[in-house]
Amino acid sequence: MLERTYVLGMYKDYVEFNGRLYALRLIDFGPEWGTYFVGSAQLLSLLWDDDSGYTSDEAQWVDELIFYFIPTHYFKLSDDELRVRIFSEIV
């Protein structure tokens, strides 16, 4: 389940997994790429097991919502800074 709240003039997005809410960022990567959710690497570690794959069907659903996983401290970056950082890592 996705959830959106409006706090201090900013939208905050969350996804629920195993009864907990995890923060997401909705980032516009430009007209050639589109707009996608970015989640934390901590969440990825709960979704995926290196030995057996997805930890559940719900984990696969959540993973397919998220374009890229970032270290938690990246959530403090502005949208522009985050976009540049992600592009530097994937392009």
PDB file of N, CA and C in Angstrom:
ATOM      1  N   MET A   1       0.844  -1.173   0.000  1.00  0.00           N
ATOM      2  CA  MET A   1       0.000   0.000   0.000  1.00  0.00           C
ATOM      3  C   MET A   1       0.891   1.238   0.000  1.00  0.00           C
ATOM      4  N   LEU A   2       0.537   2.196  -0.825  1.00  0.00           N
ATOM      5  CA  LEU A   2       1.223   3.481  -0.869  1.00  0.00           C
ATOM      6  C   LEU A   2       0.447   4.495  -0.066  1.00  0.00           C
ATOM      7  N   GLU A   3       1.172   5.423   0.543  1.00  0.00           N
ATOM      8  CA  GLU A   3       0.537   6.471   1.328  1.00  0.00           C
ATOM      9  C   GLU A   3       1.265   7.775   1.064  1.00  0.00           C
ATOM     10  N   ARG A   4       0.513   8.864   0.987  1.00  0.00           N
ATOM     11  CA  ARG A   4       1.111  10.184   0.787  1.00  0.00           C
ATOM     12  C   ARG A   4       0.575  11.127   1.843  1.00  0.00           C
ATOM     13  N   THR A   5       1.476  11.890   2.458  1.00  0.00           N
ATOM     14  CA  THR A   5       1.089  12.908   3.424  1.00  0.00           C
ATOM     15  C   THR A   5       1.705  14.239   3.003  1.00  0.00           C
ATOM     16  N   TYR A   6       1.172  15.315   3.539  1.00  0.00           N
ATOM     17  CA  TYR A   6       1.685  16.654   3.247  1.00  0.00           C
ATOM     18  C   TYR A   6       2.126  17.260   4.561  1.00  0.00           C
ATOM     19  N   VAL A   7       3.441  17.467   4.699  1.00  0.00           N
ATOM     20  CA  VAL A   7       4.008  17.953   5.954  1.00  0.00           C
ATOM     21  C   VAL A   7       4.971  19.096   5.652  1.00  0.00           C
ATOM     22  N   LEU A   8       4.799  20.211   6.343  1.00  0.00           N
ATOM     23  CA  LEU A   8       5.702  21.351   6.223  1.00  0.00           C
ATOM     24  C   LEU A   8       5.927  21.761   4.764  1.00  0.00           C
ATOM     25  N   GLY A   9       4.848  21.813   4.000  1.00  0.00           N
ATOM     26  CA  GLY A   9       4.924  22.263   2.624  1.00  0.00           C
ATOM     27  C   GLY A   9       5.526  21.270   1.644  1.00  0.00           C
ATOM     28  N   MET A  10       5.653  20.005   2.066  1.00  0.00           N
ATOM     29  CA  MET A  10       6.272  18.993   1.214  1.00  0.00           C
ATOM     30  C   MET A  10       5.462  17.706   1.265  1.00  0.00           C
ATOM     31  N   TYR A  11       5.325  17.053   0.105  1.00  0.00           N
ATOM     32  CA  TYR A  11       4.691  15.742   0.090  1.00  0.00           C
ATOM     33  C   TYR A  11       5.692  14.697   0.556  1.00  0.00           C
ATOM     34  N   LYS A  12       5.189  13.756   1.348  1.00  0.00           N
ATOM     35  CA  LYS A  12       6.005  12.632   1.788  1.00  0.00           C
ATOM     36  C   LYS A  12       5.274  11.361   1.380  1.00  0.00           C
ATOM     37  N   ASP A  13       6.002  10.480   0.718  1.00  0.00           N
ATOM     38  CA  ASP A  13       5.424   9.228   0.257  1.00  0.00           C
ATOM     39  C   ASP A  13       5.993   8.075   1.063  1.00  0.00           C
ATOM     40  N   TYR A  14       5.151   7.072   1.261  1.00  0.00           N
ATOM     41  CA  TYR A  14       5.537   5.888   2.031  1.00  0.00           C
ATOM     42  C   TYR A  14       4.966   4.649   1.365  1.00  0.00           C
ATOM     43  N   VAL A  15       5.646   3.536   1.595  1.00  0.00           N
ATOM     44  CA  VAL A  15       5.108   2.246   1.201  1.00  0.00           C
ATOM     45  C   VAL A  15       5.069   1.381   2.460  1.00  0.00           C
ATOM     46  N   GLU A  16       4.012   0.607   2.601  1.00  0.00           N
ATOM     47  CA  GLU A  16       3.904  -0.293   3.748  1.00  0.00           C
ATOM     48  C   GLU A  16       4.434  -1.664   3.356  1.00  0.00           C
ATOM     49  N   PHE A  17       5.286  -2.206   4.219  1.00  0.00           N
ATOM     50  CA  PHE A  17       5.805  -3.548   4.010  1.00  0.00           C
ATOM     51  C   PHE A  17       5.927  -4.227   5.363  1.00  0.00           C
ATOM     52  N   ASN A  18       5.328  -5.401   5.484  1.00  0.00           N
ATOM     53  CA  ASN A  18       5.325  -6.154   6.746  1.00  0.00           C
ATOM     54  C   ASN A  18       4.845  -5.311   7.927  1.00  0.00           C
ATOM     55  N   GLY A  19       3.834  -4.484   7.682  1.00  0.00           N
ATOM     56  CA  GLY A  19       3.223  -3.719   8.758  1.00  0.00           C
ATOM     57  C   GLY A  19       3.948  -2.435   9.143  1.00  0.00           C
ATOM     58  N   ARG A  20       5.039  -2.096   8.450  1.00  0.00           N
ATOM     59  CA  ARG A  20       5.787  -0.860   8.734  1.00  0.00           C
ATOM     60  C   ARG A  20       5.761   0.037   7.514  1.00  0.00           C
ATOM     61  N   LEU A  21       5.825   1.353   7.764  1.00  0.00           N
ATOM     62  CA  LEU A  21       5.896   2.317   6.677  1.00  0.00           C
ATOM     63  C   LEU A  21       7.358   2.666   6.411  1.00  0.00           C
ATOM     64  N   TYR A  22       7.720   2.706   5.136  1.00  0.00           N
ATOM     65  CA  TYR A  22       9.071   3.065   4.706  1.00  0.00           C
ATOM     66  C   TYR A  22       8.980   4.261   3.774  1.00  0.00           C
ATOM     67  N   ALA A  23       9.827   5.252   4.015  1.00  0.00           N
ATOM     68  CA  ALA A  23       9.819   6.480   3.223  1.00  0.00           C
ATOM     69  C   ALA A  23      10.247   6.207   1.787  1.00  0.00           C
ATOM     70  N   LEU A  24       9.607   6.927   0.884  1.00  0.00           N
ATOM     71  CA  LEU A  24       9.963   6.926  -0.526  1.00  0.00           C
ATOM     72  C   LEU A  24      10.138   8.371  -0.966  1.00  0.00           C
ATOM     73  N   ARG A  25      10.870   8.571  -2.032  1.00  0.00           N
ATOM     74  CA  ARG A  25      10.943   9.883  -2.682  1.00  0.00           C
ATOM     75  C   ARG A  25      10.446   9.702  -4.106  1.00  0.00           C
ATOM     76  N   LEU A  26       9.621  10.609  -4.559  1.00  0.00           N
ATOM     77  CA  LEU A  26       9.136  10.604  -5.933  1.00  0.00           C
ATOM     78  C   LEU A  26       9.978  11.626  -6.692  1.00  0.00           C
ATOM     79  N   ILE A  27      10.815  11.143  -7.607  1.00  0.00           N
ATOM     80  CA  ILE A  27      11.792  11.994  -8.282  1.00  0.00           C
ATOM     81  C   ILE A  27      11.489  12.047  -9.780  1.00  0.00           C
ATOM     82  N   ASP A  28      11.475  13.266 -10.306  1.00  0.00           N
ATOM     83  CA  ASP A  28      11.315  13.468 -11.743  1.00  0.00           C
ATOM     84  C   ASP A  28      12.706  13.426 -12.373  1.00  0.00           C
ATOM     85  N   PHE A  29      12.954  12.412 -13.187  1.00  0.00           N
ATOM     86  CA  PHE A  29      14.248  12.237 -13.832  1.00  0.00           C
ATOM     87  C   PHE A  29      14.301  12.884 -15.212  1.00  0.00           C
ATOM     88  N   GLY A  30      13.289  13.670 -15.546  1.00  0.00           N
ATOM     89  CA  GLY A  30      13.283  14.372 -16.822  1.00  0.00           C
ATOM     90  C   GLY A  30      12.447  13.659 -17.861  1.00  0.00           C
ATOM     91  N   PRO A  31      12.193  14.344 -18.986  1.00  0.00           N
ATOM     92  CA  PRO A  31      11.276  13.802 -19.999  1.00  0.00           C
ATOM     93  C   PRO A  31      11.754  12.498 -20.641  1.00  0.00           C
ATOM     94  N   GLU A  32      13.051  12.284 -20.689  1.00  0.00           N
ATOM     95  CA  GLU A  32      13.544  11.056 -21.321  1.00  0.00           C
ATOM     96  C   GLU A  32      13.443   9.845 -20.396  1.00  0.00           C
ATOM     97  N   TRP A  33      13.392  10.078 -19.093  1.00  0.00           N
ATOM     98  CA  TRP A  33      13.390   8.978 -18.123  1.00  0.00           C
ATOM     99  C   TRP A  33      12.043   8.806 -17.442  1.00  0.00           C
ATOM    100  N   GLY A  34      11.395   9.902 -17.041  1.00  0.00           N
ATOM    101  CA  GLY A  34      10.119   9.826 -16.336  1.00  0.00           C
ATOM    102  C   GLY A  34      10.263  10.085 -14.846  1.00  0.00           C
ATOM    103  N   THR A  35       9.178   9.845 -14.119  1.00  0.00           N
ATOM    104  CA  THR A  35       9.113  10.077 -12.683  1.00  0.00           C
ATOM    105  C   THR A  35       8.972   8.742 -11.974  1.00  0.00           C
ATOM    106  N   TYR A  36       9.821   8.526 -10.974  1.00  0.00           N
ATOM    107  CA  TYR A  36       9.861   7.228 -10.296  1.00  0.00           C
ATOM    108  C   TYR A  36      10.077   7.382  -8.800  1.00  0.00           C
ATOM    109  N   PHE A  37       9.659   6.336  -8.085  1.00  0.00           N
ATOM    110  CA  PHE A  37       9.941   6.269  -6.656  1.00  0.00           C
ATOM    111  C   PHE A  37      11.361   5.776  -6.419  1.00  0.00           C
ATOM    112  N   VAL A  38      11.975   6.334  -5.380  1.00  0.00           N
ATOM    113  CA  VAL A  38      13.288   5.920  -4.907  1.00  0.00           C
ATOM    114  C   VAL A  38      13.092   5.500  -3.451  1.00  0.00           C
ATOM    115  N   GLY A  39      13.675   4.376  -3.068  1.00  0.00           N
ATOM    116  CA  GLY A  39      13.543   3.869  -1.702  1.00  0.00           C
ATOM    117  C   GLY A  39      14.904   3.666  -1.056  1.00  0.00           C
ATOM    118  N   SER A  40      14.887   3.301   0.199  1.00  0.00           N
ATOM    119  CA  SER A  40      16.135   3.143   0.947  1.00  0.00           C
ATOM    120  C   SER A  40      16.749   1.756   0.734  1.00  0.00           C
ATOM    121  N   ALA A  41      18.069   1.709   0.799  1.00  0.00           N
ATOM    122  CA  ALA A  41      18.787   0.434   0.715  1.00  0.00           C
ATOM    123  C   ALA A  41      18.384  -0.472   1.878  1.00  0.00           C
ATOM    124  N   GLN A  42      18.033   0.124   3.004  1.00  0.00           N
ATOM    125  CA  GLN A  42      17.560  -0.659   4.153  1.00  0.00           C
ATOM    126  C   GLN A  42      16.310  -1.440   3.782  1.00  0.00           C
ATOM    127  N   LEU A  43      15.390  -0.798   3.061  1.00  0.00           N
ATOM    128  CA  LEU A  43      14.181  -1.488   2.617  1.00  0.00           C
ATOM    129  C   LEU A  43      14.539  -2.610   1.648  1.00  0.00           C
ATOM    130  N   LEU A  44      15.445  -2.349   0.732  1.00  0.00           N
ATOM    131  CA  LEU A  44      15.854  -3.386  -0.222  1.00  0.00           C
ATOM    132  C   LEU A  44      16.350  -4.631   0.503  1.00  0.00           C
ATOM    133  N   SER A  45      17.089  -4.443   1.584  1.00  0.00           N
ATOM    134  CA  SER A  45      17.622  -5.601   2.317  1.00  0.00           C
ATOM    135  C   SER A  45      16.509  -6.447   2.930  1.00  0.00           C
ATOM    136  N   LEU A  46      15.343  -5.847   3.156  1.00  0.00           N
ATOM    137  CA  LEU A  46      14.199  -6.593   3.681  1.00  0.00           C
ATOM    138  C   LEU A  46      13.399  -7.282   2.567  1.00  0.00           C
ATOM    139  N   LEU A  47      13.516  -6.757   1.365  1.00  0.00           N
ATOM    140  CA  LEU A  47      12.760  -7.291   0.235  1.00  0.00           C
ATOM    141  C   LEU A  47      13.450  -8.468  -0.437  1.00  0.00           C
ATOM    142  N   TRP A  48      14.774  -8.486  -0.384  1.00  0.00           N
ATOM    143  CA  TRP A  48      15.548  -9.428  -1.193  1.00  0.00           C
ATOM    144  C   TRP A  48      16.525 -10.209  -0.334  1.00  0.00           C
ATOM    145  N   ASP A  49      16.558 -11.497  -0.542  1.00  0.00           N
ATOM    146  CA  ASP A  49      17.528 -12.372   0.114  1.00  0.00           C
ATOM    147  C   ASP A  49      18.452 -12.912  -0.972  1.00  0.00           C
ATOM    148  N   ASP A  50      19.753 -12.743  -0.816  1.00  0.00           N
ATOM    149  CA  ASP A  50      20.707 -13.162  -1.853  1.00  0.00           C
ATOM    150  C   ASP A  50      20.637 -14.649  -2.158  1.00  0.00           C
ATOM    151  N   ASP A  51      20.223 -15.452  -1.208  1.00  0.00           N
ATOM    152  CA  ASP A  51      20.163 -16.900  -1.425  1.00  0.00           C
ATOM    153  C   ASP A  51      18.866 -17.357  -2.077  1.00  0.00           C
ATOM    154  N   SER A  52      17.745 -16.704  -1.707  1.00  0.00           N
ATOM    155  CA  SER A  52      16.449 -17.214  -2.177  1.00  0.00           C
ATOM    156  C   SER A  52      15.625 -16.215  -2.983  1.00  0.00           C
ATOM    157  N   GLY A  53      16.108 -15.002  -3.201  1.00  0.00           N
ATOM    158  CA  GLY A  53      15.358 -14.016  -3.979  1.00  0.00           C
ATOM    159  C   GLY A  53      14.411 -13.200  -3.106  1.00  0.00           C
ATOM    160  N   TYR A  54      13.269 -12.852  -3.677  1.00  0.00           N
ATOM    161  CA  TYR A  54      12.294 -12.059  -2.928  1.00  0.00           C
ATOM    162  C   TYR A  54      11.874 -12.796  -1.664  1.00  0.00           C
ATOM    163  N   THR A  55      11.691 -12.040  -0.592  1.00  0.00           N
ATOM    164  CA  THR A  55      11.309 -12.643   0.679  1.00  0.00           C
ATOM    165  C   THR A  55       9.831 -13.001   0.729  1.00  0.00           C
ATOM    166  N   SER A  56       9.025 -12.429  -0.180  1.00  0.00           N
ATOM    167  CA  SER A  56       7.591 -12.736  -0.248  1.00  0.00           C
ATOM    168  C   SER A  56       7.022 -12.138  -1.532  1.00  0.00           C
ATOM    169  N   ASP A  57       5.781 -12.470  -1.840  1.00  0.00           N
ATOM    170  CA  ASP A  57       5.104 -11.857  -2.984  1.00  0.00           C
ATOM    171  C   ASP A  57       4.941 -10.358  -2.759  1.00  0.00           C
ATOM    172  N   GLU A  58       4.663  -9.969  -1.511  1.00  0.00           N
ATOM    173  CA  GLU A  58       4.543  -8.551  -1.181  1.00  0.00           C
ATOM    174  C   GLU A  58       5.869  -7.839  -1.432  1.00  0.00           C
ATOM    175  N   ALA A  59       6.981  -8.488  -1.112  1.00  0.00           N
ATOM    176  CA  ALA A  59       8.297  -7.899  -1.330  1.00  0.00           C
ATOM    177  C   ALA A  59       8.517  -7.626  -2.819  1.00  0.00           C
ATOM    178  N   GLN A  60       8.107  -8.538  -3.665  1.00  0.00           N
ATOM    179  CA  GLN A  60       8.264  -8.336  -5.104  1.00  0.00           C
ATOM    180  C   GLN A  60       7.418  -7.161  -5.566  1.00  0.00           C
ATOM    181  N   TRP A  61       6.196  -7.056  -5.070  1.00  0.00           N
ATOM    182  CA  TRP A  61       5.305  -5.950  -5.427  1.00  0.00           C
ATOM    183  C   TRP A  61       5.934  -4.618  -5.043  1.00  0.00           C
ATOM    184  N   VAL A  62       6.478  -4.544  -3.824  1.00  0.00           N
ATOM    185  CA  VAL A  62       7.108  -3.306  -3.353  1.00  0.00           C
ATOM    186  C   VAL A  62       8.333  -2.989  -4.213  1.00  0.00           C
ATOM    187  N   ASP A  63       9.159  -3.980  -4.468  1.00  0.00           N
ATOM    188  CA  ASP A  63      10.367  -3.764  -5.264  1.00  0.00           C
ATOM    189  C   ASP A  63      10.037  -3.235  -6.655  1.00  0.00           C
ATOM    190  N   GLU A  64       8.989  -3.727  -7.247  1.00  0.00           N
ATOM    191  CA  GLU A  64       8.620  -3.304  -8.598  1.00  0.00           C
ATOM    192  C   GLU A  64       8.071  -1.879  -8.646  1.00  0.00           C
ATOM    193  N   LEU A  65       7.709  -1.313  -7.496  1.00  0.00           N
ATOM    194  CA  LEU A  65       7.285   0.092  -7.415  1.00  0.00           C
ATOM    195  C   LEU A  65       8.473   1.046  -7.456  1.00  0.00           C
ATOM    196  N   ILE A  66       9.631   0.555  -7.053  1.00  0.00           N
ATOM    197  CA  ILE A  66      10.780   1.417  -6.770  1.00  0.00           C
ATOM    198  C   ILE A  66      11.821   1.289  -7.873  1.00  0.00           C
ATOM    199  N   PHE A  67      12.218   2.444  -8.416  1.00  0.00           N
ATOM    200  CA  PHE A  67      13.186   2.497  -9.503  1.00  0.00           C
ATOM    201  C   PHE A  67      14.612   2.271  -9.025  1.00  0.00           C
ATOM    202  N   TYR A  68      14.955   2.843  -7.859  1.00  0.00           N
ATOM    203  CA  TYR A  68      16.344   2.809  -7.399  1.00  0.00           C
ATOM    204  C   TYR A  68      16.365   2.883  -5.876  1.00  0.00           C
ATOM    205  N   PHE A  69      17.343   2.224  -5.288  1.00  0.00           N
ATOM    206  CA  PHE A  69      17.493   2.229  -3.830  1.00  0.00           C
ATOM    207  C   PHE A  69      18.732   3.028  -3.456  1.00  0.00           C
ATOM    208  N   ILE A  70      18.588   3.855  -2.417  1.00  0.00           N
ATOM    209  CA  ILE A  70      19.643   4.789  -2.030  1.00  0.00           C
ATOM    210  C   ILE A  70      19.994   4.620  -0.551  1.00  0.00           C
ATOM    211  N   PRO A  71      21.202   5.036  -0.156  1.00  0.00           N
ATOM    212  CA  PRO A  71      21.515   5.068   1.270  1.00  0.00           C
ATOM    213  C   PRO A  71      20.555   6.023   1.982  1.00  0.00           C
ATOM    214  N   THR A  72      20.222   5.723   3.201  1.00  0.00           N
ATOM    215  CA  THR A  72      19.234   6.510   3.951  1.00  0.00           C
ATOM    216  C   THR A  72      19.604   7.989   4.021  1.00  0.00           C
ATOM    217  N   HIS A  73      20.880   8.305   4.171  1.00  0.00           N
ATOM    218  CA  HIS A  73      21.269   9.717   4.298  1.00  0.00           C
ATOM    219  C   HIS A  73      21.026  10.514   3.011  1.00  0.00           C
ATOM    220  N   TYR A  74      20.818   9.872   1.872  1.00  0.00           N
ATOM    221  CA  TYR A  74      20.482  10.581   0.640  1.00  0.00           C
ATOM    222  C   TYR A  74      19.099  11.232   0.716  1.00  0.00           C
ATOM    223  N   PHE A  75      18.254  10.750   1.615  1.00  0.00           N
ATOM    224  CA  PHE A  75      16.909  11.330   1.743  1.00  0.00           C
ATOM    225  C   PHE A  75      16.971  12.803   2.139  1.00  0.00           C
ATOM    226  N   LYS A  76      18.087  13.255   2.686  1.00  0.00           N
ATOM    227  CA  LYS A  76      18.239  14.658   3.087  1.00  0.00           C
ATOM    228  C   LYS A  76      18.542  15.570   1.903  1.00  0.00           C
ATOM    229  N   LEU A  77      18.919  15.001   0.761  1.00  0.00           N
ATOM    230  CA  LEU A  77      19.254  15.792  -0.417  1.00  0.00           C
ATOM    231  C   LEU A  77      18.008  16.378  -1.063  1.00  0.00           C
ATOM    232  N   SER A  78      18.173  17.510  -1.732  1.00  0.00           N
ATOM    233  CA  SER A  78      17.064  18.078  -2.507  1.00  0.00           C
ATOM    234  C   SER A  78      16.784  17.153  -3.692  1.00  0.00           C
ATOM    235  N   ASP A  79      15.636  17.345  -4.337  1.00  0.00           N
ATOM    236  CA  ASP A  79      15.310  16.541  -5.520  1.00  0.00           C
ATOM    237  C   ASP A  79      16.401  16.665  -6.584  1.00  0.00           C
ATOM    238  N   ASP A  80      16.855  17.893  -6.823  1.00  0.00           N
ATOM    239  CA  ASP A  80      17.887  18.106  -7.842  1.00  0.00           C
ATOM    240  C   ASP A  80      19.191  17.411  -7.475  1.00  0.00           C
ATOM    241  N   GLU A  81      19.625  17.547  -6.233  1.00  0.00           N
ATOM    242  CA  GLU A  81      20.861  16.889  -5.795  1.00  0.00           C
ATOM    243  C   GLU A  81      20.734  15.374  -5.861  1.00  0.00           C
ATOM    244  N   LEU A  82      19.579  14.867  -5.477  1.00  0.00           N
ATOM    245  CA  LEU A  82      19.361  13.427  -5.501  1.00  0.00           C
ATOM    246  C   LEU A  82      19.360  12.891  -6.936  1.00  0.00           C
ATOM    247  N   ARG A  83      18.708  13.604  -7.821  1.00  0.00           N
ATOM    248  CA  ARG A  83      18.671  13.206  -9.231  1.00  0.00           C
ATOM    249  C   ARG A  83      20.093  13.141  -9.805  1.00  0.00           C
ATOM    250  N   VAL A  84      20.900  14.175  -9.546  1.00  0.00           N
ATOM    251  CA  VAL A  84      22.284  14.206 -10.032  1.00  0.00           C
ATOM    252  C   VAL A  84      23.081  13.052  -9.442  1.00  0.00           C
ATOM    253  N   ARG A  85      22.918  12.794  -8.164  1.00  0.00           N
ATOM    254  CA  ARG A  85      23.653  11.714  -7.499  1.00  0.00           C
ATOM    255  C   ARG A  85      23.285  10.358  -8.101  1.00  0.00           C
ATOM    256  N   ILE A  86      21.987  10.135  -8.303  1.00  0.00           N
ATOM    257  CA  ILE A  86      21.556   8.850  -8.869  1.00  0.00           C
ATOM    258  C   ILE A  86      22.070   8.698 -10.295  1.00  0.00           C
ATOM    259  N   PHE A  87      21.939   9.745 -11.108  1.00  0.00           N
ATOM    260  CA  PHE A  87      22.456   9.663 -12.478  1.00  0.00           C
ATOM    261  C   PHE A  87      23.954   9.371 -12.487  1.00  0.00           C
ATOM    262  N   SER A  88      24.693   9.946 -11.543  1.00  0.00           N
ATOM    263  CA  SER A  88      26.143   9.693 -11.508  1.00  0.00           C
ATOM    264  C   SER A  88      26.446   8.236 -11.167  1.00  0.00           C
ATOM    265  N   GLU A  89      25.515   7.567 -10.507  1.00  0.00           N
ATOM    266  CA  GLU A  89      25.715   6.175 -10.121  1.00  0.00           C
ATOM    267  C   GLU A  89      25.244   5.184 -11.184  1.00  0.00           C
ATOM    268  N   ILE A  90      24.288   5.584 -12.018  1.00  0.00           N
ATOM    269  CA  ILE A  90      23.723   4.606 -12.953  1.00  0.00           C
ATOM    270  C   ILE A  90      24.067   4.856 -14.414  1.00  0.00           C
ATOM    271  N   VAL A  91      24.505   6.051 -14.748  1.00  0.00           N
ATOM    272  CA  VAL A  91      24.788   6.356 -16.158  1.00  0.00           C
ATOM    273  C   VAL A  91      26.279   6.361 -16.392  1.00  0.00           C
TER     274      VAL A  91
END
